C-alpha atoms as a PDB file:
ATOM      1  CA  MET A   1     140.383 113.477 105.681  1.00  0.00           C
ATOM      2  CA  THR A   2     138.798 110.097 106.185  1.00  0.00           C
ATOM      3  CA  ASP A   3     141.732 108.617 108.092  1.00  0.00           C
ATOM      4  CA  SER A   4     142.730 108.801 111.766  1.00  0.00           C
ATOM      5  CA  MET A   5     145.893 110.752 110.941  1.00  0.00           C
ATOM      6  CA  TYR A   6     144.492 113.958 112.465  1.00  0.00           C
ATOM      7  CA  LEU A   7     143.799 112.173 115.765  1.00  0.00           C
ATOM      8  CA  ASN A   8     147.359 110.884 115.838  1.00  0.00           C
ATOM      9  CA  ILE A   9     148.677 114.418 115.364  1.00  0.00           C
ATOM     10  CA  LEU A  10     146.351 115.720 118.088  1.00  0.00           C
ATOM     11  CA  LYS A  11     147.481 113.048 120.540  1.00  0.00           C
ATOM     12  CA  GLU A  12     151.042 114.279 120.039  1.00  0.00           C
ATOM     13  CA  GLY A  13     149.895 117.733 121.140  1.00  0.00           C
ATOM     14  CA  ARG A  14     150.514 119.312 117.735  1.00  0.00           C
ATOM     15  CA  ILE A  15     147.150 121.062 117.629  1.00  0.00           C
ATOM     16  CA  ASP A  16     148.175 124.092 115.576  1.00  0.00           C
ATOM     17  CA  TYR A  17     149.942 121.859 113.073  1.00  0.00           C
ATOM     18  CA  CYS A  18     146.820 119.700 112.852  1.00  0.00           C
ATOM     19  CA  LYS A  19     144.616 122.716 112.146  1.00  0.00           C
ATOM     20  CA  GLY A  20     146.992 123.848 109.421  1.00  0.00           C
ATOM     21  CA  LYS A  21     147.196 120.369 107.911  1.00  0.00           C
ATOM     22  CA  LEU A  22     143.420 120.114 107.783  1.00  0.00           C
ATOM     23  CA  GLU A  23     143.172 123.490 106.038  1.00  0.00           C
ATOM     24  CA  ARG A  24     145.885 122.565 103.527  1.00  0.00           C
ATOM     25  CA  ASP A  25     144.273 119.216 102.801  1.00  0.00           C
ATOM     26  CA  PHE A  26     140.874 120.801 102.236  1.00  0.00           C
ATOM     27  CA  ARG A  27     142.390 123.464  99.996  1.00  0.00           C
ATOM     28  CA  ASP A  28     144.240 120.802  98.005  1.00  0.00           C
ATOM     29  CA  ILE A  29     141.091 118.799  97.306  1.00  0.00           C
ATOM     30  CA  ALA A  30     139.536 121.965  95.865  1.00  0.00           C
ATOM     31  CA  LEU A  31     141.289 120.894  92.679  1.00  0.00           C
ATOM     32  CA  ILE A  32     138.424 118.409  92.364  1.00  0.00           C
ATOM     33  CA  PRO A  33     135.331 120.439  93.333  1.00  0.00           C
ATOM     34  CA  GLN A  34     132.997 117.428  93.398  1.00  0.00           C
ATOM     35  CA  VAL A  35     135.197 115.696  95.959  1.00  0.00           C
ATOM     36  CA  GLN A  36     135.577 118.846  98.042  1.00  0.00           C
ATOM     37  CA  LYS A  37     131.817 119.256  98.145  1.00  0.00           C
ATOM     38  CA  LYS A  38     131.360 115.654  99.310  1.00  0.00           C
ATOM     39  CA  LEU A  39     133.992 116.056 102.020  1.00  0.00           C
ATOM     40  CA  SER A  40     132.802 119.441 103.293  1.00  0.00           C
ATOM     41  CA  SER A  41     130.809 117.976 106.172  1.00  0.00           C
ATOM     42  CA  ILE A  42     133.786 115.836 107.227  1.00  0.00           C
ATOM     43  CA  TYR A  43     136.034 118.888 107.060  1.00  0.00           C
ATOM     44  CA  LEU A  44     133.671 120.845 109.308  1.00  0.00           C
ATOM     45  CA  ALA A  45     133.434 117.925 111.735  1.00  0.00           C
ATOM     46  CA  TRP A  46     137.235 117.704 111.967  1.00  0.00           C
ATOM     47  CA  LYS A  47     137.430 121.451 112.642  1.00  0.00           C
ATOM     48  CA  GLU A  48     134.967 121.054 115.506  1.00  0.00           C
ATOM     49  CA  LEU A  49     136.751 117.986 116.869  1.00  0.00           C
ATOM     50  CA  ILE A  50     140.095 119.806 116.858  1.00  0.00           C
ATOM     51  CA  ARG A  51     138.540 122.765 118.660  1.00  0.00           C
ATOM     52  CA  GLU A  52     137.004 120.495 121.319  1.00  0.00           C
ATOM     53  CA  TYR A  53     140.087 118.276 121.635  1.00  0.00           C
ATOM     54  CA  LYS A  54     142.169 121.328 122.506  1.00  0.00           C
ATOM     55  CA  LYS A  55     139.854 122.021 125.460  1.00  0.00           C
ATOM     56  CA  LEU A  56     140.512 118.549 126.872  1.00  0.00           C
ATOM     57  CA  GLU A  57     144.250 119.216 127.175  1.00  0.00           C
ATOM     58  CA  ILE A  58     145.053 115.575 126.410  1.00  0.00           C
ATOM     59  CA  VAL A  59     148.555 114.971 125.109  1.00  0.00           C
ATOM     60  CA  ASP A  60     150.358 111.673 124.726  1.00  0.00           C
ATOM     61  CA  LYS A  61     153.822 112.357 126.169  1.00  0.00           C
ATOM     62  CA  ASN A  62     155.181 109.135 124.620  1.00  0.00           C
ATOM     63  CA  PRO A  63     153.469 108.723 121.229  1.00  0.00           C
ATOM     64  CA  ASN A  64     155.640 105.740 120.215  1.00  0.00           C
END
């Protein structure tokens, strides 16, 4: 959650995949509750960023 991987996925236009990946990642870190608690604000910020990014309709047609 602290890497730019989600932005890379968003730039490819894979918004729904990105939302799902974020949810899976956050669920997976629930195995370590202390870490999940520390990353909760980052998780919420990513959710908001994904929501706003979708409104921009920016997609990199040639990601490579």
